[in-house]
Amino acid sequence: MQVAVIGSGGAAMAAALKAVEQGAQVTLIERGTIGGTCVNVGCVPSKIMIRAAHIAHLRRESPFDGGMPPTPPTILRERLLAQQQARVEELRHAKYEGILDGNSAITVLHGEARFKDDQSLIVSLNEGGERVVMFDRCLVATGASPAMPPIPGLKESPYWTSTEALVSDTIPERLAVIGSSVVALELAQAFARLGSQVTILARSTLFFREDPAIGEAVTAAFRAEGIKVLEHTQASQVAHVDGEFVLTTGQGEVRADKLLVATGRTPNTRSLALEAAGVAVNAQGAIVIDKGMRTS
């Protein structure tokens, strides 16, 4: 059996290896960096940064004041970033690249895939040219990208998504965060603990969908750490003038040196030409599946 896998993140890798175990020949297609979001620009670097921020917080706010007085930490962000990225590269090689290189049943193509029909893909190779990949089964595991709210002026400004925030070699003095997603909140707290003055703009309250009670507790904890949480607040305009962000809200202006936008993610399906294979998607671009995770 010929199996095509579009993407190289955790789901793609697990499926590719399981298919090989069952005797399939696999073609794995990746347009960017092998490993997908988690190891490169998601779970791994964020948890390393969060751990560093937690240690900084413990040094500053020692729970053992009597016998272990708190000491303001010195934050050398460039060195922290170098350590973080070295670990990312190490894990990417150990968990992804090394495994793929050592498996003769998996062919890796670096390029962008789109469906030709329900049995073949056209891959525009990064090195130039195209290649047709035939398949008996195809797994779409292309992940998602940060969603951008339609705020006037935002697209024209040098805002951050989580990707840019995680690889910044500086800690901004003032950071504004639009969004109350898990990503928004974990990065907001990390930057605050590393020295930023952080303001969160939440459209409603924190975790109002998931668990309002937990949201209240997190809000109280954030405020105790000096993080400003503006509830029921949306930016109606974003401007970037002379290196400063100015956000217009119903509660006045919010000014910051950097702006992080983390309002959720949207599926990476636009470039796949799914209609050529008869695959249905919903209004958000997510592939419609049944209980067995099969498409239309």
C-alpha atoms as a PDB file:
ATOM      1  CA  MET A   1       0.000   0.000   0.000  1.00  0.00           C
ATOM      2  CA  GLN A   2       1.155   3.519  -0.852  1.00  0.00           C
ATOM      3  CA  VAL A   3       0.410   6.059   1.871  1.00  0.00           C
ATOM      4  CA  ALA A   4       0.915   9.807   1.498  1.00  0.00           C
ATOM      5  CA  VAL A   5       1.241  11.962   4.609  1.00  0.00           C
ATOM      6  CA  ILE A   6       1.033  15.743   4.296  1.00  0.00           C
ATOM      7  CA  GLY A   7       2.799  17.332   7.242  1.00  0.00           C
ATOM      8  CA  SER A   8       5.540  16.193   9.607  1.00  0.00           C
ATOM      9  CA  GLY A   9       4.284  17.054  13.092  1.00  0.00           C
ATOM     10  CA  GLY A  10       3.470  14.622  15.868  1.00  0.00           C
ATOM     11  CA  ALA A  11       0.321  13.200  14.249  1.00  0.00           C
ATOM     12  CA  ALA A  12       1.991  12.866  10.851  1.00  0.00           C
ATOM     13  CA  MET A  13       5.028  11.090  12.286  1.00  0.00           C
ATOM     14  CA  ALA A  14       2.961   8.687  14.385  1.00  0.00           C
ATOM     15  CA  ALA A  15       0.799   7.782  11.392  1.00  0.00           C
ATOM     16  CA  ALA A  16       3.767   7.371   9.049  1.00  0.00           C
ATOM     17  CA  LEU A  17       5.594   5.041  11.435  1.00  0.00           C
ATOM     18  CA  LYS A  18       2.463   3.002  12.169  1.00  0.00           C
ATOM     19  CA  ALA A  19       1.775   2.649   8.434  1.00  0.00           C
ATOM     20  CA  VAL A  20       5.313   1.368   7.886  1.00  0.00           C
ATOM     21  CA  GLU A  21       4.823  -1.152  10.708  1.00  0.00           C
ATOM     22  CA  GLN A  22       1.815  -2.472   8.775  1.00  0.00           C
ATOM     23  CA  GLY A  23       3.878  -2.861   5.596  1.00  0.00           C
ATOM     24  CA  ALA A  24       3.081   0.363   3.738  1.00  0.00           C
ATOM     25  CA  GLN A  25       5.433   2.531   1.720  1.00  0.00           C
ATOM     26  CA  VAL A  26       5.079   6.126   2.893  1.00  0.00           C
ATOM     27  CA  THR A  27       5.728   9.451   1.196  1.00  0.00           C
ATOM     28  CA  LEU A  28       5.843  12.265   3.740  1.00  0.00           C
ATOM     29  CA  ILE A  29       5.586  15.830   2.433  1.00  0.00           C
ATOM     30  CA  GLU A  30       6.670  18.884   4.442  1.00  0.00           C
ATOM     31  CA  ARG A  31       6.768  22.453   3.114  1.00  0.00           C
ATOM     32  CA  GLY A  32       8.638  23.925   6.081  1.00  0.00           C
ATOM     33  CA  THR A  33      10.773  22.600   8.913  1.00  0.00           C
ATOM     34  CA  ILE A  34      10.496  18.925   9.790  1.00  0.00           C
ATOM     35  CA  GLY A  35       8.691  18.441  13.094  1.00  0.00           C
ATOM     36  CA  GLY A  36       5.758  20.806  12.701  1.00  0.00           C
ATOM     37  CA  THR A  37       4.582  23.279  15.311  1.00  0.00           C
ATOM     38  CA  CYS A  38       5.140  21.483  18.618  1.00  0.00           C
ATOM     39  CA  VAL A  39       8.863  20.843  18.581  1.00  0.00           C
ATOM     40  CA  ASN A  40       9.827  23.906  16.535  1.00  0.00           C
ATOM     41  CA  VAL A  41       7.606  26.832  17.520  1.00  0.00           C
ATOM     42  CA  GLY A  42       5.113  25.453  20.025  1.00  0.00           C
ATOM     43  CA  CYS A  43       5.132  23.106  23.004  1.00  0.00           C
ATOM     44  CA  VAL A  44       8.883  22.573  23.311  1.00  0.00           C
ATOM     45  CA  PRO A  45      10.254  26.134  23.105  1.00  0.00           C
ATOM     46  CA  SER A  46       7.299  27.550  25.042  1.00  0.00           C
ATOM     47  CA  LYS A  47       7.742  25.142  27.945  1.00  0.00           C
ATOM     48  CA  ILE A  48      11.474  25.872  28.077  1.00  0.00           C
ATOM     49  CA  MET A  49      10.757  29.604  28.188  1.00  0.00           C
ATOM     50  CA  ILE A  50       8.015  29.110  30.787  1.00  0.00           C
ATOM     51  CA  ARG A  51      10.361  27.049  32.967  1.00  0.00           C
ATOM     52  CA  ALA A  52      13.011  29.785  32.831  1.00  0.00           C
ATOM     53  CA  ALA A  53      10.358  32.352  33.731  1.00  0.00           C
ATOM     54  CA  HIS A  54       9.161  30.198  36.631  1.00  0.00           C
ATOM     55  CA  ILE A  55      12.680  29.970  38.052  1.00  0.00           C
ATOM     56  CA  ALA A  56      13.044  33.748  37.722  1.00  0.00           C
ATOM     57  CA  HIS A  57       9.750  34.137  39.586  1.00  0.00           C
ATOM     58  CA  LEU A  58      10.856  31.817  42.404  1.00  0.00           C
ATOM     59  CA  ARG A  59      14.059  33.781  42.849  1.00  0.00           C
ATOM     60  CA  ARG A  60      12.120  37.013  43.029  1.00  0.00           C
ATOM     61  CA  GLU A  61       9.263  35.686  45.184  1.00  0.00           C
ATOM     62  CA  SER A  62      10.878  33.106  47.454  1.00  0.00           C
ATOM     63  CA  PRO A  63       8.383  31.085  49.539  1.00  0.00           C
ATOM     64  CA  PHE A  64      11.125  30.705  52.178  1.00  0.00           C
ATOM     65  CA  ASP A  65      11.737  34.354  53.017  1.00  0.00           C
ATOM     66  CA  GLY A  66      13.164  33.587  56.442  1.00  0.00           C
ATOM     67  CA  GLY A  67      15.921  31.214  55.396  1.00  0.00           C
ATOM     68  CA  MET A  68      16.218  31.895  51.664  1.00  0.00           C
ATOM     69  CA  PRO A  69      15.753  35.609  50.977  1.00  0.00           C
ATOM     70  CA  PRO A  70      14.474  36.531  47.492  1.00  0.00           C
ATOM     71  CA  THR A  71      17.008  37.920  45.020  1.00  0.00           C
ATOM     72  CA  PRO A  72      16.094  39.856  41.864  1.00  0.00           C
ATOM     73  CA  PRO A  73      17.239  37.648  38.957  1.00  0.00           C
ATOM     74  CA  THR A  74      19.470  38.827  36.130  1.00  0.00           C
ATOM     75  CA  ILE A  75      17.776  37.947  32.833  1.00  0.00           C
ATOM     76  CA  LEU A  76      20.139  37.363  29.902  1.00  0.00           C
ATOM     77  CA  ARG A  77      17.540  36.712  27.241  1.00  0.00           C
ATOM     78  CA  GLU A  78      20.006  36.066  24.410  1.00  0.00           C
ATOM     79  CA  ARG A  79      21.618  33.244  26.386  1.00  0.00           C
ATOM     80  CA  LEU A  80      18.257  31.804  27.407  1.00  0.00           C
ATOM     81  CA  LEU A  81      17.168  31.853  23.764  1.00  0.00           C
ATOM     82  CA  ALA A  82      20.355  30.133  22.605  1.00  0.00           C
ATOM     83  CA  GLN A  83      19.844  27.377  25.176  1.00  0.00           C
ATOM     84  CA  GLN A  84      16.179  27.054  24.205  1.00  0.00           C
ATOM     85  CA  GLN A  85      16.857  26.771  20.483  1.00  0.00           C
ATOM     86  CA  ALA A  86      19.709  24.314  20.988  1.00  0.00           C
ATOM     87  CA  ARG A  87      17.302  22.035  22.826  1.00  0.00           C
ATOM     88  CA  VAL A  88      14.711  22.461  20.067  1.00  0.00           C
ATOM     89  CA  GLU A  89      17.248  21.406  17.422  1.00  0.00           C
ATOM     90  CA  GLU A  90      18.395  18.465  19.537  1.00  0.00           C
ATOM     91  CA  LEU A  91      14.853  17.169  20.014  1.00  0.00           C
ATOM     92  CA  ARG A  92      13.893  17.763  16.382  1.00  0.00           C
ATOM     93  CA  HIS A  93      16.803  15.619  15.240  1.00  0.00           C
ATOM     94  CA  ALA A  94      16.236  12.898  17.843  1.00  0.00           C
ATOM     95  CA  LYS A  95      12.463  12.605  17.480  1.00  0.00           C
ATOM     96  CA  TYR A  96      11.913  13.485  13.829  1.00  0.00           C
ATOM     97  CA  GLU A  97      14.825  13.969  11.417  1.00  0.00           C
ATOM     98  CA  GLY A  98      16.945  11.094  12.707  1.00  0.00           C
ATOM     99  CA  ILE A  99      14.026   8.666  12.622  1.00  0.00           C
ATOM    100  CA  LEU A 100      13.014   9.659   9.096  1.00  0.00           C
ATOM    101  CA  ASP A 101      16.578   9.466   7.808  1.00  0.00           C
ATOM    102  CA  GLY A 102      16.913   5.961   9.197  1.00  0.00           C
ATOM    103  CA  ASN A 103      13.689   4.536   7.753  1.00  0.00           C
ATOM    104  CA  SER A 104      14.002   3.318   4.168  1.00  0.00           C
ATOM    105  CA  ALA A 105      10.226   2.822   3.869  1.00  0.00           C
ATOM    106  CA  ILE A 106       9.590   6.564   4.243  1.00  0.00           C
ATOM    107  CA  THR A 107      10.414   8.999   1.445  1.00  0.00           C
ATOM    108  CA  VAL A 108      10.536  12.639   2.526  1.00  0.00           C
ATOM    109  CA  LEU A 109       9.696  15.374   0.024  1.00  0.00           C
ATOM    110  CA  HIS A 110      10.320  19.017   0.903  1.00  0.00           C
ATOM    111  CA  GLY A 111       7.633  21.037  -0.817  1.00  0.00           C
ATOM    112  CA  GLU A 112       3.980  22.068  -0.866  1.00  0.00           C
ATOM    113  CA  ALA A 113       1.346  19.472  -1.693  1.00  0.00           C
ATOM    114  CA  ARG A 114      -2.010  19.946  -3.366  1.00  0.00           C
ATOM    115  CA  PHE A 115      -4.511  17.365  -4.513  1.00  0.00           C
ATOM    116  CA  LYS A 116      -4.686  16.533  -8.208  1.00  0.00           C
ATOM    117  CA  ASP A 117      -7.573  14.117  -7.626  1.00  0.00           C
ATOM    118  CA  ASP A 118      -8.600  11.566  -4.998  1.00  0.00           C
ATOM    119  CA  GLN A 119      -5.643   9.305  -5.758  1.00  0.00           C
ATOM    120  CA  SER A 120      -2.756  11.675  -6.411  1.00  0.00           C
ATOM    121  CA  LEU A 121      -0.969  14.793  -5.210  1.00  0.00           C
ATOM    122  CA  ILE A 122       1.121  17.380  -6.988  1.00  0.00           C
ATOM    123  CA  VAL A 123       4.092  18.508  -4.908  1.00  0.00           C
ATOM    124  CA  SER A 124       5.761  21.823  -5.724  1.00  0.00           C
ATOM    125  CA  LEU A 125       9.275  21.077  -4.535  1.00  0.00           C
ATOM    126  CA  ASN A 126      11.156  23.702  -2.538  1.00  0.00           C
ATOM    127  CA  GLU A 127      14.211  23.112  -4.722  1.00  0.00           C
ATOM    128  CA  GLY A 128      12.160  23.705  -7.873  1.00  0.00           C
ATOM    129  CA  GLY A 129       9.974  21.615 -10.135  1.00  0.00           C
ATOM    130  CA  GLU A 130       6.979  19.419  -9.396  1.00  0.00           C
ATOM    131  CA  ARG A 131       6.414  15.792  -8.589  1.00  0.00           C
ATOM    132  CA  VAL A 132       3.266  13.673  -8.728  1.00  0.00           C
ATOM    133  CA  VAL A 133       2.686  11.354  -5.776  1.00  0.00           C
ATOM    134  CA  MET A 134       0.185   8.521  -6.175  1.00  0.00           C
ATOM    135  CA  PHE A 135      -1.467   7.085  -3.074  1.00  0.00           C
ATOM    136  CA  ASP A 136      -3.942   4.484  -1.863  1.00  0.00           C
ATOM    137  CA  ARG A 137      -4.511   6.416   1.358  1.00  0.00           C
ATOM    138  CA  CYS A 138      -3.648   9.989   2.252  1.00  0.00           C
ATOM    139  CA  LEU A 139      -3.442  11.576   5.698  1.00  0.00           C
ATOM    140  CA  VAL A 140      -3.801  15.345   5.921  1.00  0.00           C
ATOM    141  CA  ALA A 141      -1.918  16.406   9.056  1.00  0.00           C
ATOM    142  CA  THR A 142      -1.069  19.992   8.210  1.00  0.00           C
ATOM    143  CA  GLY A 143      -1.850  21.562  11.585  1.00  0.00           C
ATOM    144  CA  ALA A 144      -2.940  25.147  12.062  1.00  0.00           C
ATOM    145  CA  SER A 145      -1.604  28.701  12.014  1.00  0.00           C
ATOM    146  CA  PRO A 146      -2.337  31.710  14.235  1.00  0.00           C
ATOM    147  CA  ALA A 147      -5.695  33.321  13.435  1.00  0.00           C
ATOM    148  CA  MET A 148      -5.710  37.082  12.971  1.00  0.00           C
ATOM    149  CA  PRO A 149      -8.693  39.142  14.168  1.00  0.00           C
ATOM    150  CA  PRO A 150      -9.927  41.791  11.688  1.00  0.00           C
ATOM    151  CA  ILE A 151      -8.734  44.811  13.672  1.00  0.00           C
ATOM    152  CA  PRO A 152      -8.044  47.926  11.563  1.00  0.00           C
ATOM    153  CA  GLY A 153      -4.330  48.652  11.430  1.00  0.00           C
ATOM    154  CA  LEU A 154      -3.231  45.278  12.816  1.00  0.00           C
ATOM    155  CA  LYS A 155      -2.102  43.731   9.548  1.00  0.00           C
ATOM    156  CA  GLU A 156       0.065  46.752   8.762  1.00  0.00           C
ATOM    157  CA  SER A 157       1.837  46.657  12.136  1.00  0.00           C
ATOM    158  CA  PRO A 158       4.842  44.512  13.219  1.00  0.00           C
ATOM    159  CA  TYR A 159       2.798  42.460  15.690  1.00  0.00           C
ATOM    160  CA  TRP A 160       3.932  39.157  17.162  1.00  0.00           C
ATOM    161  CA  THR A 161       2.271  35.793  17.009  1.00  0.00           C
ATOM    162  CA  SER A 162       3.482  33.109  19.397  1.00  0.00           C
ATOM    163  CA  THR A 163       6.098  32.161  16.791  1.00  0.00           C
ATOM    164  CA  GLU A 164       7.830  35.547  16.882  1.00  0.00           C
ATOM    165  CA  ALA A 165       7.419  35.895  20.642  1.00  0.00           C
ATOM    166  CA  LEU A 166       9.205  32.625  21.330  1.00  0.00           C
ATOM    167  CA  VAL A 167      12.286  33.558  19.284  1.00  0.00           C
ATOM    168  CA  SER A 168      12.597  37.174  20.400  1.00  0.00           C
ATOM    169  CA  ASP A 169      16.068  37.867  21.791  1.00  0.00           C
ATOM    170  CA  THR A 170      14.782  40.734  23.932  1.00  0.00           C
ATOM    171  CA  ILE A 171      12.217  41.137  26.702  1.00  0.00           C
ATOM    172  CA  PRO A 172      10.071  44.203  25.912  1.00  0.00           C
ATOM    173  CA  GLU A 173       9.537  46.710  28.687  1.00  0.00           C
ATOM    174  CA  ARG A 174       5.807  46.815  27.874  1.00  0.00           C
ATOM    175  CA  LEU A 175       3.894  43.969  26.224  1.00  0.00           C
ATOM    176  CA  ALA A 176       0.234  44.074  25.195  1.00  0.00           C
ATOM    177  CA  VAL A 177      -1.532  40.765  24.575  1.00  0.00           C
ATOM    178  CA  ILE A 178      -4.705  40.459  22.520  1.00  0.00           C
ATOM    179  CA  GLY A 179      -6.488  37.226  23.359  1.00  0.00           C
ATOM    180  CA  SER A 180      -7.224  34.968  26.292  1.00  0.00           C
ATOM    181  CA  SER A 181      -6.313  31.602  24.789  1.00  0.00           C
ATOM    182  CA  VAL A 182      -4.032  29.228  26.673  1.00  0.00           C
ATOM    183  CA  VAL A 183      -1.163  30.340  24.428  1.00  0.00           C
ATOM    184  CA  ALA A 184      -1.882  34.006  25.144  1.00  0.00           C
ATOM    185  CA  LEU A 185      -1.961  33.478  28.890  1.00  0.00           C
ATOM    186  CA  GLU A 186       1.081  31.249  29.249  1.00  0.00           C
ATOM    187  CA  LEU A 187       3.231  33.639  27.214  1.00  0.00           C
ATOM    188  CA  ALA A 188       1.810  36.672  29.001  1.00  0.00           C
ATOM    189  CA  GLN A 189       2.838  35.249  32.361  1.00  0.00           C
ATOM    190  CA  ALA A 190       6.244  34.128  31.083  1.00  0.00           C
ATOM    191  CA  PHE A 191       7.106  37.575  29.735  1.00  0.00           C
ATOM    192  CA  ALA A 192       5.843  39.206  32.930  1.00  0.00           C
ATOM    193  CA  ARG A 193       8.038  36.954  35.046  1.00  0.00           C
ATOM    194  CA  LEU A 194      11.011  37.735  32.808  1.00  0.00           C
ATOM    195  CA  GLY A 195      10.508  41.460  33.330  1.00  0.00           C
ATOM    196  CA  SER A 196       7.827  42.851  31.008  1.00  0.00           C
ATOM    197  CA  GLN A 197       4.922  45.013  32.103  1.00  0.00           C
ATOM    198  CA  VAL A 198       2.076  42.985  30.588  1.00  0.00           C
ATOM    199  CA  THR A 199      -1.470  44.040  29.727  1.00  0.00           C
ATOM    200  CA  ILE A 200      -3.979  41.417  28.544  1.00  0.00           C
ATOM    201  CA  LEU A 201      -7.019  42.443  26.495  1.00  0.00           C
ATOM    202  CA  ALA A 202      -9.703  39.780  26.955  1.00  0.00           C
ATOM    203  CA  ARG A 203     -12.872  39.960  24.873  1.00  0.00           C
ATOM    204  CA  SER A 204     -14.800  38.395  27.760  1.00  0.00           C
ATOM    205  CA  THR A 205     -13.237  36.889  30.888  1.00  0.00           C
ATOM    206  CA  LEU A 206     -10.406  34.370  31.108  1.00  0.00           C
ATOM    207  CA  PHE A 207     -11.480  30.807  30.287  1.00  0.00           C
ATOM    208  CA  PHE A 208     -15.127  31.873  30.083  1.00  0.00           C
ATOM    209  CA  ARG A 209     -15.877  28.898  27.819  1.00  0.00           C
ATOM    210  CA  GLU A 210     -13.636  26.248  29.371  1.00  0.00           C
ATOM    211  CA  ASP A 211     -14.059  26.915  33.103  1.00  0.00           C
ATOM    212  CA  PRO A 212     -15.089  30.349  34.435  1.00  0.00           C
ATOM    213  CA  ALA A 213     -14.113  29.454  38.010  1.00  0.00           C
ATOM    214  CA  ILE A 214     -10.571  28.625  36.944  1.00  0.00           C
ATOM    215  CA  GLY A 215     -10.574  31.814  34.897  1.00  0.00           C
ATOM    216  CA  GLU A 216     -11.373  33.845  38.009  1.00  0.00           C
ATOM    217  CA  ALA A 217      -8.544  32.172  39.916  1.00  0.00           C
ATOM    218  CA  VAL A 218      -6.060  32.762  37.088  1.00  0.00           C
ATOM    219  CA  THR A 219      -7.136  36.397  36.811  1.00  0.00           C
ATOM    220  CA  ALA A 220      -6.555  36.917  40.531  1.00  0.00           C
ATOM    221  CA  ALA A 221      -3.161  35.196  40.336  1.00  0.00           C
ATOM    222  CA  PHE A 222      -2.116  37.282  37.334  1.00  0.00           C
ATOM    223  CA  ARG A 223      -3.119  40.527  39.000  1.00  0.00           C
ATOM    224  CA  ALA A 224      -1.202  39.516  42.126  1.00  0.00           C
ATOM    225  CA  GLU A 225       1.874  39.154  39.900  1.00  0.00           C
ATOM    226  CA  GLY A 226       1.353  42.620  38.449  1.00  0.00           C
ATOM    227  CA  ILE A 227      -0.228  41.581  35.145  1.00  0.00           C
ATOM    228  CA  LYS A 228      -3.052  43.869  34.025  1.00  0.00           C
ATOM    229  CA  VAL A 229      -6.098  41.898  32.901  1.00  0.00           C
ATOM    230  CA  LEU A 230      -8.635  44.055  31.068  1.00  0.00           C
ATOM    231  CA  GLU A 231     -11.858  42.050  30.881  1.00  0.00           C
ATOM    232  CA  HIS A 232     -14.569  42.694  28.280  1.00  0.00           C
ATOM    233  CA  THR A 233     -12.050  44.740  26.312  1.00  0.00           C
ATOM    234  CA  GLN A 234     -11.402  44.689  22.579  1.00  0.00           C
ATOM    235  CA  ALA A 235      -9.059  46.727  20.429  1.00  0.00           C
ATOM    236  CA  SER A 236     -10.945  48.668  17.767  1.00  0.00           C
ATOM    237  CA  GLN A 237      -7.786  50.084  16.171  1.00  0.00           C
ATOM    238  CA  VAL A 238      -4.063  49.293  16.197  1.00  0.00           C
ATOM    239  CA  ALA A 239      -1.408  51.857  15.313  1.00  0.00           C
ATOM    240  CA  HIS A 240       2.375  51.585  15.363  1.00  0.00           C
ATOM    241  CA  VAL A 241       4.063  54.968  15.567  1.00  0.00           C
ATOM    242  CA  ASP A 242       7.723  55.691  16.350  1.00  0.00           C
ATOM    243  CA  GLY A 243       8.300  52.177  17.650  1.00  0.00           C
ATOM    244  CA  GLU A 244       5.268  52.199  19.928  1.00  0.00           C
ATOM    245  CA  PHE A 245       1.983  50.301  19.639  1.00  0.00           C
ATOM    246  CA  VAL A 246      -1.159  52.260  20.424  1.00  0.00           C
ATOM    247  CA  LEU A 247      -4.319  50.181  20.887  1.00  0.00           C
ATOM    248  CA  THR A 248      -7.655  51.960  20.938  1.00  0.00           C
ATOM    249  CA  THR A 249     -10.213  50.311  23.233  1.00  0.00           C
ATOM    250  CA  GLY A 250     -13.505  51.207  24.871  1.00  0.00           C
ATOM    251  CA  GLN A 251     -11.571  51.806  28.080  1.00  0.00           C
ATOM    252  CA  GLY A 252      -9.022  54.157  26.564  1.00  0.00           C
ATOM    253  CA  GLU A 253      -5.645  53.643  24.935  1.00  0.00           C
ATOM    254  CA  VAL A 254      -3.194  50.870  25.706  1.00  0.00           C
ATOM    255  CA  ARG A 255       0.427  51.603  24.801  1.00  0.00           C
ATOM    256  CA  ALA A 256       3.143  48.987  24.449  1.00  0.00           C
ATOM    257  CA  ASP A 257       6.534  48.290  22.909  1.00  0.00           C
ATOM    258  CA  LYS A 258       5.423  44.926  21.520  1.00  0.00           C
ATOM    259  CA  LEU A 259       2.041  43.418  20.698  1.00  0.00           C
ATOM    260  CA  LEU A 260       1.298  39.694  20.913  1.00  0.00           C
ATOM    261  CA  VAL A 261      -1.824  38.448  19.122  1.00  0.00           C
ATOM    262  CA  ALA A 262      -2.993  35.010  20.282  1.00  0.00           C
ATOM    263  CA  THR A 263      -6.688  34.654  19.512  1.00  0.00           C
ATOM    264  CA  GLY A 264      -6.734  31.034  18.396  1.00  0.00           C
ATOM    265  CA  ARG A 265      -5.608  29.119  15.343  1.00  0.00           C
ATOM    266  CA  THR A 266      -6.986  28.357  11.890  1.00  0.00           C
ATOM    267  CA  PRO A 267      -6.491  25.115   9.878  1.00  0.00           C
ATOM    268  CA  ASN A 268      -3.741  25.003   7.238  1.00  0.00           C
ATOM    269  CA  THR A 269      -5.949  23.782   4.393  1.00  0.00           C
ATOM    270  CA  ARG A 270      -6.220  26.661   1.925  1.00  0.00           C
ATOM    271  CA  SER A 271      -3.415  25.562  -0.399  1.00  0.00           C
ATOM    272  CA  LEU A 272      -4.325  21.855  -0.503  1.00  0.00           C
ATOM    273  CA  ALA A 273      -6.957  22.041  -3.289  1.00  0.00           C
ATOM    274  CA  LEU A 274      -9.115  19.681  -1.242  1.00  0.00           C
ATOM    275  CA  GLU A 275     -12.026  20.184  -3.607  1.00  0.00           C
ATOM    276  CA  ALA A 276     -10.078  18.298  -6.286  1.00  0.00           C
ATOM    277  CA  ALA A 277     -10.298  15.198  -4.089  1.00  0.00           C
ATOM    278  CA  GLY A 278     -13.914  15.811  -3.080  1.00  0.00           C
ATOM    279  CA  VAL A 279     -12.985  16.581   0.525  1.00  0.00           C
ATOM    280  CA  ALA A 280     -15.455  18.807   2.387  1.00  0.00           C
ATOM    281  CA  VAL A 281     -14.406  21.512   4.839  1.00  0.00           C
ATOM    282  CA  ASN A 282     -16.425  23.632   7.249  1.00  0.00           C
ATOM    283  CA  ALA A 283     -16.688  27.418   7.332  1.00  0.00           C
ATOM    284  CA  GLN A 284     -13.417  27.699   9.264  1.00  0.00           C
ATOM    285  CA  GLY A 285     -11.534  25.546   6.767  1.00  0.00           C
ATOM    286  CA  ALA A 286     -11.375  22.465   8.993  1.00  0.00           C
ATOM    287  CA  ILE A 287     -11.805  19.131   7.236  1.00  0.00           C
ATOM    288  CA  VAL A 288     -15.170  17.496   7.951  1.00  0.00           C
ATOM    289  CA  ILE A 289     -14.673  13.961   9.306  1.00  0.00           C
ATOM    290  CA  ASP A 290     -16.805  11.110  10.630  1.00  0.00           C
ATOM    291  CA  LYS A 291     -16.385   9.148  13.873  1.00  0.00           C
ATOM    292  CA  GLY A 292     -13.574   7.167  12.254  1.00  0.00           C
ATOM    293  CA  MET A 293     -11.753  10.394  11.312  1.00  0.00           C
ATOM    294  CA  ARG A 294     -12.507   9.751   7.633  1.00  0.00           C
ATOM    295  CA  THR A 295     -13.223  12.588   5.229  1.00  0.00           C
ATOM    296  CA  SER A 296     -16.045  12.874   2.735  1.00  0.00           C
END
